[in-house]
Amino acid sequence: MKTLLTAALSAALAAALACPVMAQTPTAQEMRERLEKSLVLGPTAIEQMGVRHLWQQRLPLTSGTTALRGWMRGDSAFVLDSRGGISRLSLSDGAVIWRSEVLGPQDRVMGIHRARLDGRDRVFAVIDSEFIQLDGTTGALISRKPSKEYLSADCAVAWPYLIFASASGRVVWFHALLGVNHHQGLVNGAIRGTPQVIGNEIVAAGTSGEVAGFIKEDARMLWRRNIGPVFGRLAEDTAGVYAASTDQSVYCLDRQSGKTRWKYFTESPITSDLSLFGDALLVQVPSEGLVCLATDSKGNMDGVRRWSADAPGTVAGAIGPNIVVVDAESRRIRLLELSRGGLVAAVPMGATSDLTIGSGNDGNLLVVASDGRVQLLEPLGAKPKPSSLKIIPAAKPSDEPAEEGTAADGGDEPAADDAGEP
């Protein structure tokens, strides 16, 4: 009996070993759960925001290093990490092109800009006391030039100039190629926001309340005007210059003379930046929330308020007809209708440490997580990319990609990286 039982067990074991192991296909729910864990912004957030996932990359960071924030410039993304490293990624597929550690962990990076100047692809890292120029192809250091002024914010771009504002009230034209300050203008009081450029004009405002317009080419002053103290970023379009002040007012000034076209009175002082989307001007007012004003008041000297919404945070950009507000305190991303301020979606940021809206009208999102994951999303209305749902492992630096507008493709040299942050 024992012999028969042993034989039966042996036969059963042999049969089991002979049968091929069938791989279990994950269900749709299991796949969704995996993506929720692996993607910085998973399927739930993506669906609510009306975007699609293009790719995700994980930067090969050393232990203890965290990714801090990102910028999109031309056909590339640039990501800063806590070791002072800057990584360049291709926006087409997420491949890491290079990583450079020319910055120090103590350097306060205000912005990253890129242009093709003097026949070479160049990247400029703007820190609070100097300009660092990198070779765009390899990431190698080309030069470090002191700004000779303490920068309050990122630069405006008018190549070959990087135009910055200082805590001493100076507006300085730094020649990116020569590494010298070419021109400068003066505004009373410290300037906290980035100077604004439109057409042939530069505008800046100081904490003393003075707003001034300058000619872009040579810094000659066009006009000077005193309003209340300004601590945030101005906005400017073909219709006017917009400033928010601690005197509880938002001003629209004439671009040619600085005269007041309209003035909207608020319930509390304003220190936040202004954001401009078409004919809609957005500002965070402490006692009113996010307020949307019409740039054209149609003759109403008191301005025209379209709507207000309880949406604290920073206006990061737009996705189609909706604006994106990032609230770092509650770690939520809100989408609001630009036309009337209605809430479209409110999604948790999850592991996201930074969120950047693409330049122009494409509305792309560059999402950076502190663990080194970088994700690119695009609006659903955009033309689908072949890389639809791609998660890319850490990559080795690749050869130089073809640059848009370079001699390789027969185009002209690009004037600049992009129009800048909204």
Protein backbone atom coordinates (compact mmCIF):
# COMPACT_ATOMS: atom_id res chain seq x y z
CA MET A 1 0.00 0.00 0.00
CA LYS A 2 2.81 2.32 0.97
CA THR A 3 4.53 1.54 -2.33
CA LEU A 4 1.39 2.39 -4.30
CA LEU A 5 0.94 5.70 -2.42
CA THR A 6 4.56 6.67 -3.02
CA ALA A 7 4.20 5.86 -6.71
CA ALA A 8 1.03 7.92 -6.97
CA LEU A 9 2.65 10.95 -5.34
CA SER A 10 5.67 10.64 -7.60
CA ALA A 11 3.44 10.49 -10.65
CA ALA A 12 1.47 13.54 -9.51
CA LEU A 13 4.66 15.50 -8.86
CA ALA A 14 6.05 14.57 -12.27
CA ALA A 15 2.82 15.64 -13.95
CA ALA A 16 2.86 18.97 -12.11
CA LEU A 17 6.44 19.66 -13.10
CA ALA A 18 5.69 18.72 -16.70
CA CYS A 19 2.82 21.24 -16.96
CA PRO A 20 3.97 24.72 -18.08
CA VAL A 21 3.43 27.54 -15.54
CA MET A 22 0.77 29.86 -16.98
CA ALA A 23 1.52 33.56 -16.45
CA GLN A 24 -1.40 35.37 -14.93
CA THR A 25 -2.48 38.41 -16.97
CA PRO A 26 -3.19 41.35 -14.64
CA THR A 27 -6.74 42.62 -14.68
CA ALA A 28 -7.59 46.17 -15.70
CA GLN A 29 -8.07 47.07 -12.05
CA GLU A 30 -4.71 45.60 -11.07
CA MET A 31 -2.99 47.50 -13.88
CA ARG A 32 -4.67 50.72 -12.80
CA GLU A 33 -3.50 50.21 -9.21
CA ARG A 34 0.06 49.64 -10.42
CA LEU A 35 -0.04 52.87 -12.43
CA GLU A 36 -1.44 54.80 -9.47
CA LYS A 37 1.64 53.73 -7.50
CA SER A 38 4.26 54.12 -10.22
CA LEU A 39 3.19 57.40 -11.87
CA VAL A 40 3.64 60.73 -10.15
CA LEU A 41 0.11 61.69 -11.18
CA GLY A 42 -1.82 58.48 -11.73
CA PRO A 43 -4.90 57.61 -13.82
CA THR A 44 -7.40 59.16 -11.39
CA ALA A 45 -5.70 62.57 -11.40
CA ILE A 46 -5.03 62.40 -15.14
CA GLU A 47 -8.70 61.70 -15.95
CA GLN A 48 -9.95 64.53 -13.76
CA MET A 49 -7.47 67.02 -15.21
CA GLY A 50 -8.29 66.22 -18.85
CA VAL A 51 -4.75 65.31 -19.85
CA ARG A 52 -2.94 62.22 -21.12
CA HIS A 53 0.32 60.64 -19.96
CA LEU A 54 3.19 60.78 -22.48
CA TRP A 55 6.19 59.47 -20.55
CA GLN A 56 7.78 59.22 -17.15
CA GLN A 57 11.49 59.19 -16.41
CA ARG A 58 13.34 58.47 -13.18
CA LEU A 59 16.54 60.46 -12.84
CA PRO A 60 19.59 58.48 -11.64
CA LEU A 61 20.07 60.49 -8.44
CA THR A 62 22.52 59.50 -5.73
CA SER A 63 21.31 58.55 -2.26
CA GLY A 64 20.00 61.51 -0.31
CA THR A 65 19.54 63.68 -3.41
CA THR A 66 16.10 65.02 -4.22
CA ALA A 67 14.68 66.62 -7.37
CA LEU A 68 13.51 70.18 -6.73
CA ARG A 69 11.84 71.71 -9.77
CA GLY A 70 11.75 71.75 -13.54
CA TRP A 71 11.56 74.04 -16.56
CA MET A 72 10.57 73.41 -20.18
CA ARG A 73 12.75 75.20 -22.68
CA GLY A 74 12.34 74.54 -26.40
CA ASP A 75 12.52 70.78 -27.08
CA SER A 76 13.96 69.95 -23.64
CA ALA A 77 13.15 69.87 -19.96
CA PHE A 78 15.66 70.92 -17.30
CA VAL A 79 15.41 69.55 -13.76
CA LEU A 80 17.29 70.92 -10.75
CA ASP A 81 18.24 68.64 -7.83
CA SER A 82 19.42 69.25 -4.27
CA ARG A 83 23.08 68.58 -5.11
CA GLY A 84 23.07 71.51 -7.52
CA GLY A 85 22.80 69.21 -10.52
CA ILE A 86 20.90 70.15 -13.66
CA SER A 87 19.60 67.35 -15.89
CA ARG A 88 18.51 67.90 -19.48
CA LEU A 89 15.77 65.60 -20.80
CA SER A 90 14.29 65.30 -24.27
CA LEU A 91 10.63 66.33 -24.29
CA SER A 92 9.94 63.94 -27.16
CA ASP A 93 10.69 60.72 -25.24
CA GLY A 94 12.08 61.58 -21.79
CA ALA A 95 15.64 60.40 -22.51
CA VAL A 96 18.31 61.96 -20.29
CA ILE A 97 20.70 63.91 -22.54
CA TRP A 98 23.11 65.05 -19.82
CA ARG A 99 23.46 65.94 -16.17
CA SER A 100 25.80 68.68 -14.96
CA GLU A 101 26.90 69.43 -11.41
CA VAL A 102 28.43 72.87 -11.90
CA LEU A 103 26.16 74.50 -9.32
CA GLY A 104 26.60 74.30 -5.59
CA PRO A 105 23.86 73.03 -3.25
CA GLN A 106 23.82 76.50 -1.70
CA ASP A 107 23.17 78.29 -5.02
CA ARG A 108 19.67 79.74 -5.22
CA VAL A 109 18.52 79.08 -8.77
CA MET A 110 16.04 81.68 -10.03
CA GLY A 111 15.56 80.27 -13.52
CA ILE A 112 16.92 78.33 -16.49
CA HIS A 113 17.01 79.83 -19.99
CA ARG A 114 18.20 78.51 -23.31
CA ALA A 115 19.03 79.96 -26.72
CA ARG A 116 21.20 79.34 -29.75
CA LEU A 117 23.66 82.22 -29.71
CA ASP A 118 26.77 82.65 -31.83
CA GLY A 119 26.02 79.33 -33.52
CA ARG A 120 25.98 77.29 -30.30
CA ASP A 121 23.26 75.82 -28.14
CA ARG A 122 23.62 77.54 -24.75
CA VAL A 123 21.92 77.10 -21.40
CA PHE A 124 21.99 79.83 -18.74
CA ALA A 125 21.37 79.10 -15.07
CA VAL A 126 20.38 82.30 -13.29
CA ILE A 127 21.24 82.30 -9.60
CA ASP A 128 20.87 85.16 -7.15
CA SER A 129 24.36 86.58 -7.63
CA GLU A 130 25.74 85.28 -10.95
CA PHE A 131 25.03 83.81 -14.37
CA ILE A 132 26.29 80.33 -15.21
CA GLN A 133 26.59 79.41 -18.89
CA LEU A 134 26.56 75.75 -19.96
CA ASP A 135 27.10 74.06 -23.30
CA GLY A 136 23.61 72.97 -24.34
CA THR A 137 24.92 69.84 -26.09
CA THR A 138 27.09 68.42 -23.30
CA GLY A 139 26.24 70.35 -20.14
CA ALA A 140 29.90 71.42 -19.77
CA LEU A 141 30.61 74.69 -17.96
CA ILE A 142 31.44 77.59 -20.30
CA SER A 143 31.55 80.51 -17.87
CA ARG A 144 30.47 81.94 -14.53
CA LYS A 145 29.85 85.68 -14.48
CA PRO A 146 28.88 87.73 -11.42
CA SER A 147 25.75 89.81 -11.76
CA LYS A 148 27.23 92.61 -9.56
CA GLU A 149 23.72 92.98 -8.13
CA TYR A 150 21.61 90.76 -5.91
CA LEU A 151 18.80 89.36 -8.05
CA SER A 152 15.30 89.45 -6.60
CA ALA A 153 13.68 87.17 -9.19
CA ASP A 154 14.25 85.45 -12.51
CA CYS A 155 15.25 87.36 -15.65
CA ALA A 156 13.23 88.58 -18.57
CA VAL A 157 14.58 87.40 -21.94
CA ALA A 158 15.45 89.71 -24.84
CA TRP A 159 18.39 87.91 -26.46
CA PRO A 160 21.29 88.48 -26.33
CA TYR A 161 20.23 90.12 -23.05
CA LEU A 162 19.02 88.62 -19.82
CA ILE A 163 17.26 91.52 -18.11
CA PHE A 164 17.10 91.29 -14.35
CA ALA A 165 15.86 93.43 -11.49
CA SER A 166 17.74 93.95 -8.26
CA ALA A 167 17.02 94.64 -4.62
CA SER A 168 18.62 98.08 -5.13
CA GLY A 169 15.99 99.07 -7.71
CA ARG A 170 18.15 98.64 -10.80
CA VAL A 171 16.90 97.06 -14.03
CA VAL A 172 20.02 95.63 -15.67
CA TRP A 173 20.64 94.41 -19.23
CA PHE A 174 23.18 91.56 -18.86
CA HIS A 175 24.78 90.61 -22.20
CA ALA A 176 24.68 86.81 -22.13
CA LEU A 177 27.53 86.30 -24.60
CA LEU A 178 29.93 88.97 -23.37
CA GLY A 179 29.16 88.41 -19.71
CA VAL A 180 28.88 92.12 -18.89
CA ASN A 181 26.16 94.54 -17.84
CA HIS A 182 25.42 96.69 -20.91
CA HIS A 183 22.59 98.99 -19.85
CA GLN A 184 20.63 99.78 -16.76
CA GLY A 185 17.60 101.72 -15.62
CA LEU A 186 16.53 102.72 -12.14
CA VAL A 187 13.26 102.35 -10.25
CA ASN A 188 12.86 103.72 -6.73
CA GLY A 189 12.64 100.94 -4.16
CA ALA A 190 13.58 97.27 -4.33
CA ILE A 191 12.18 95.35 -7.29
CA ARG A 192 10.74 91.98 -6.25
CA GLY A 193 9.25 90.68 -9.50
CA THR A 194 10.63 89.71 -12.90
CA PRO A 195 10.66 92.62 -15.40
CA GLN A 196 8.05 92.22 -18.11
CA VAL A 197 8.72 92.41 -21.86
CA ILE A 198 6.28 93.09 -24.66
CA GLY A 199 7.19 94.47 -28.04
CA ASN A 200 9.93 97.05 -27.65
CA GLU A 201 9.21 97.78 -23.99
CA ILE A 202 10.38 96.65 -20.54
CA VAL A 203 8.38 97.49 -17.42
CA ALA A 204 9.31 97.10 -13.75
CA ALA A 205 7.91 98.28 -10.40
CA GLY A 206 9.46 98.91 -6.99
CA THR A 207 8.39 98.58 -3.39
CA SER A 208 8.36 102.37 -3.16
CA GLY A 209 5.39 102.41 -5.53
CA GLU A 210 7.18 103.58 -8.66
CA VAL A 211 6.43 101.88 -12.00
CA ALA A 212 8.59 102.65 -15.04
CA GLY A 213 8.70 101.73 -18.70
CA PHE A 214 11.96 101.42 -20.65
CA ILE A 215 12.94 100.90 -24.29
CA LYS A 216 14.12 97.32 -24.67
CA GLU A 217 17.15 98.05 -26.87
CA ASP A 218 18.96 100.63 -24.78
CA ALA A 219 17.13 101.08 -21.42
CA ARG A 220 15.98 104.64 -22.16
CA MET A 221 13.06 105.55 -19.92
CA LEU A 222 9.68 105.98 -21.61
CA TRP A 223 7.66 107.03 -18.57
CA ARG A 224 7.61 106.93 -14.78
CA ARG A 225 4.56 106.74 -12.53
CA ASN A 226 3.94 106.49 -8.77
CA ILE A 227 1.23 104.18 -7.41
CA GLY A 228 1.21 102.09 -4.22
CA PRO A 229 4.09 99.71 -3.30
CA VAL A 230 4.38 96.68 -5.61
CA PHE A 231 5.83 93.39 -4.33
CA GLY A 232 4.66 90.92 -6.99
CA ARG A 233 5.15 90.37 -10.71
CA LEU A 234 3.56 92.80 -13.16
CA ALA A 235 1.68 91.78 -16.28
CA GLU A 236 1.70 93.49 -19.67
CA ASP A 237 -0.04 93.11 -23.02
CA THR A 238 -0.69 95.27 -26.06
CA ALA A 239 -3.47 97.07 -24.18
CA GLY A 240 -1.70 98.06 -20.97
CA VAL A 241 0.57 97.44 -17.98
CA TYR A 242 -1.03 95.81 -14.93
CA ALA A 243 0.18 96.20 -11.35
CA ALA A 244 -1.19 95.00 -7.99
CA SER A 245 -0.31 97.11 -4.97
CA THR A 246 -0.41 97.08 -1.20
CA ASP A 247 -2.62 100.19 -1.46
CA GLN A 248 -5.43 97.67 -2.10
CA SER A 249 -5.67 98.35 -5.80
CA VAL A 250 -5.03 96.69 -9.15
CA TYR A 251 -3.99 99.22 -11.80
CA CYS A 252 -4.14 99.20 -15.58
CA LEU A 253 -1.65 101.76 -16.92
CA ASP A 254 -1.29 103.05 -20.44
CA ARG A 255 1.79 101.55 -22.10
CA GLN A 256 2.81 104.81 -23.77
CA SER A 257 2.35 107.26 -20.92
CA GLY A 258 1.80 105.35 -17.67
CA LYS A 259 -1.53 107.08 -17.07
CA THR A 260 -4.24 105.14 -15.26
CA ARG A 261 -6.75 103.52 -17.60
CA TRP A 262 -8.67 101.86 -14.76
CA LYS A 263 -8.18 101.06 -11.07
CA TYR A 264 -9.89 98.20 -9.25
CA PHE A 265 -10.13 98.62 -5.46
CA THR A 266 -9.83 95.46 -3.34
CA GLU A 267 -10.65 94.70 0.29
CA SER A 268 -7.04 94.06 1.34
CA PRO A 269 -3.41 94.81 0.34
CA ILE A 270 -1.99 92.66 -2.47
CA THR A 271 1.55 91.26 -2.55
CA SER A 272 1.04 88.38 -5.01
CA ASP A 273 1.96 88.05 -8.70
CA LEU A 274 -0.39 88.86 -11.54
CA SER A 275 -1.20 86.26 -14.22
CA LEU A 276 -2.55 87.15 -17.66
CA PHE A 277 -4.51 84.79 -19.94
CA GLY A 278 -5.88 86.53 -23.03
CA ASP A 279 -8.23 89.24 -21.79
CA ALA A 280 -8.40 87.81 -18.26
CA LEU A 281 -6.18 89.12 -15.44
CA LEU A 282 -5.88 86.91 -12.34
CA VAL A 283 -4.73 87.97 -8.88
CA GLN A 284 -4.88 86.43 -5.40
CA VAL A 285 -6.53 88.87 -2.99
CA PRO A 286 -6.30 87.72 0.66
CA SER A 287 -9.86 88.71 1.59
CA GLU A 288 -11.54 87.86 -1.75
CA GLY A 289 -9.76 84.76 -3.06
CA LEU A 290 -8.65 84.37 -6.66
CA VAL A 291 -10.09 87.32 -8.57
CA CYS A 292 -10.49 87.55 -12.35
CA LEU A 293 -10.59 91.03 -13.89
CA ALA A 294 -11.28 92.00 -17.50
CA THR A 295 -8.30 93.71 -19.11
CA ASP A 296 -10.67 95.86 -21.15
CA SER A 297 -12.99 97.68 -18.76
CA LYS A 298 -14.83 99.32 -21.69
CA GLY A 299 -14.41 102.77 -20.20
CA ASN A 300 -15.24 101.85 -16.61
CA MET A 301 -12.53 103.55 -14.52
CA ASP A 302 -13.26 101.21 -11.58
CA GLY A 303 -12.39 98.10 -13.59
CA VAL A 304 -14.60 95.08 -14.24
CA ARG A 305 -14.53 91.99 -12.03
CA ARG A 306 -15.68 88.82 -13.78
CA TRP A 307 -15.54 86.38 -10.88
CA SER A 308 -13.80 85.33 -7.68
CA ALA A 309 -13.14 81.83 -6.36
CA ASP A 310 -11.84 80.18 -3.22
CA ALA A 311 -8.72 78.74 -4.85
CA PRO A 312 -5.59 79.49 -2.81
CA GLY A 313 -2.17 78.88 -4.32
CA THR A 314 -0.11 79.81 -7.36
CA VAL A 315 -1.61 80.15 -10.83
CA ALA A 316 0.65 77.79 -12.78
CA GLY A 317 -0.83 78.04 -16.27
CA ALA A 318 -3.73 76.81 -18.38
CA ILE A 319 -4.97 73.54 -19.87
CA GLY A 320 -7.37 74.38 -22.67
CA PRO A 321 -10.16 76.57 -21.27
CA ASN A 322 -9.16 75.89 -17.65
CA ILE A 323 -6.53 77.45 -15.42
CA VAL A 324 -4.33 75.42 -13.08
CA VAL A 325 -3.82 76.55 -9.47
CA VAL A 326 -1.22 74.71 -7.38
CA ASP A 327 -1.78 74.90 -3.63
CA ALA A 328 1.44 73.75 -1.95
CA GLU A 329 -0.03 74.10 1.54
CA SER A 330 -2.94 71.71 1.05
CA ARG A 331 -1.02 69.81 -1.68
CA ARG A 332 -3.87 70.04 -4.16
CA ILE A 333 -4.10 70.96 -7.84
CA ARG A 334 -7.27 72.79 -8.81
CA LEU A 335 -8.62 73.35 -12.30
CA LEU A 336 -10.97 76.31 -12.70
CA GLU A 337 -12.96 77.52 -15.69
CA LEU A 338 -11.28 80.67 -16.96
CA SER A 339 -14.60 82.00 -18.23
CA ARG A 340 -16.47 81.95 -14.90
CA GLY A 341 -14.25 80.47 -12.18
CA GLY A 342 -16.19 77.24 -11.68
CA LEU A 343 -14.27 74.34 -10.12
CA VAL A 344 -13.56 71.64 -12.72
CA ALA A 345 -11.39 69.32 -10.62
CA ALA A 346 -9.40 69.21 -7.40
CA VAL A 347 -6.80 66.46 -7.28
CA PRO A 348 -4.14 65.61 -4.67
CA MET A 349 -0.54 66.37 -5.65
CA GLY A 350 0.65 63.02 -4.30
CA ALA A 351 4.43 62.83 -4.64
CA THR A 352 4.60 65.94 -6.82
CA SER A 353 7.08 68.57 -5.66
CA ASP A 354 6.77 70.89 -8.64
CA LEU A 355 4.44 71.44 -11.56
CA THR A 356 5.31 73.44 -14.68
CA ILE A 357 2.99 74.45 -17.49
CA GLY A 358 4.45 74.38 -20.99
CA SER A 359 5.01 77.60 -22.85
CA GLY A 360 2.76 78.85 -25.62
CA ASN A 361 -0.68 77.34 -26.03
CA ASP A 362 0.17 73.64 -25.79
CA GLY A 363 -0.67 73.45 -22.07
CA ASN A 364 1.79 70.62 -21.43
CA LEU A 365 2.54 69.77 -17.81
CA LEU A 366 6.01 68.90 -16.54
CA VAL A 367 5.60 67.24 -13.16
CA VAL A 368 8.60 66.68 -10.88
CA ALA A 369 8.62 64.45 -7.79
CA SER A 370 11.27 64.70 -5.10
CA ASP A 371 12.33 61.06 -5.64
CA GLY A 372 13.52 61.93 -9.16
CA ARG A 373 10.48 60.92 -11.18
CA VAL A 374 9.69 63.35 -14.01
CA GLN A 375 6.40 63.06 -15.87
CA LEU A 376 5.12 64.78 -19.01
CA LEU A 377 1.39 65.22 -19.62
CA GLU A 378 -0.47 66.92 -22.45
CA PRO A 379 -4.07 68.11 -22.94
CA LEU A 380 -6.52 65.59 -24.38
CA GLY A 381 -7.18 67.89 -27.32
CA ALA A 382 -3.56 67.68 -28.47
CA LYS A 383 -2.49 65.31 -31.22
CA PRO A 384 -1.59 61.93 -29.63
CA LYS A 385 2.07 60.96 -29.52
CA PRO A 386 3.25 57.43 -30.43
CA SER A 387 4.70 57.09 -26.92
CA SER A 388 1.19 57.19 -25.43
CA LEU A 389 1.87 55.42 -22.09
CA LYS A 390 5.60 55.13 -21.64
CA ILE A 391 7.49 54.65 -18.39
CA ILE A 392 11.22 54.92 -18.94
CA PRO A 393 13.95 53.60 -16.61
CA ALA A 394 16.97 55.71 -15.75
CA ALA A 395 18.85 56.34 -18.98
CA LYS A 396 22.45 57.03 -19.91
CA PRO A 397 23.26 60.33 -21.65
CA SER A 398 22.55 60.12 -25.35
CA ASP A 399 24.06 61.85 -28.37
CA GLU A 400 23.07 65.41 -29.13
CA PRO A 401 19.50 65.59 -30.45
CA ALA A 402 18.67 67.77 -33.43
CA GLU A 403 17.78 71.25 -32.26
CA GLU A 404 14.76 73.09 -33.56
CA GLY A 405 15.79 75.97 -35.78
CA THR A 406 19.45 74.97 -36.11
CA ALA A 407 21.56 74.62 -39.20
CA ALA A 408 20.98 70.87 -39.04
CA ASP A 409 17.37 71.26 -40.14
CA GLY A 410 17.86 74.36 -42.23
CA GLY A 411 16.02 76.76 -39.91
CA ASP A 412 17.00 80.05 -38.37
CA GLU A 413 18.50 80.36 -34.95
CA PRO A 414 15.79 80.44 -32.28
CA ALA A 415 15.50 83.79 -30.59
CA ALA A 416 14.85 82.38 -27.14
CA ASP A 417 13.69 79.45 -25.06
CA ASP A 418 10.07 80.53 -24.71
CA ALA A 419 7.83 83.32 -23.59
CA GLY A 420 8.55 82.50 -19.94
CA GLU A 421 6.21 81.70 -16.97
CA PRO A 422 2.72 82.97 -17.17
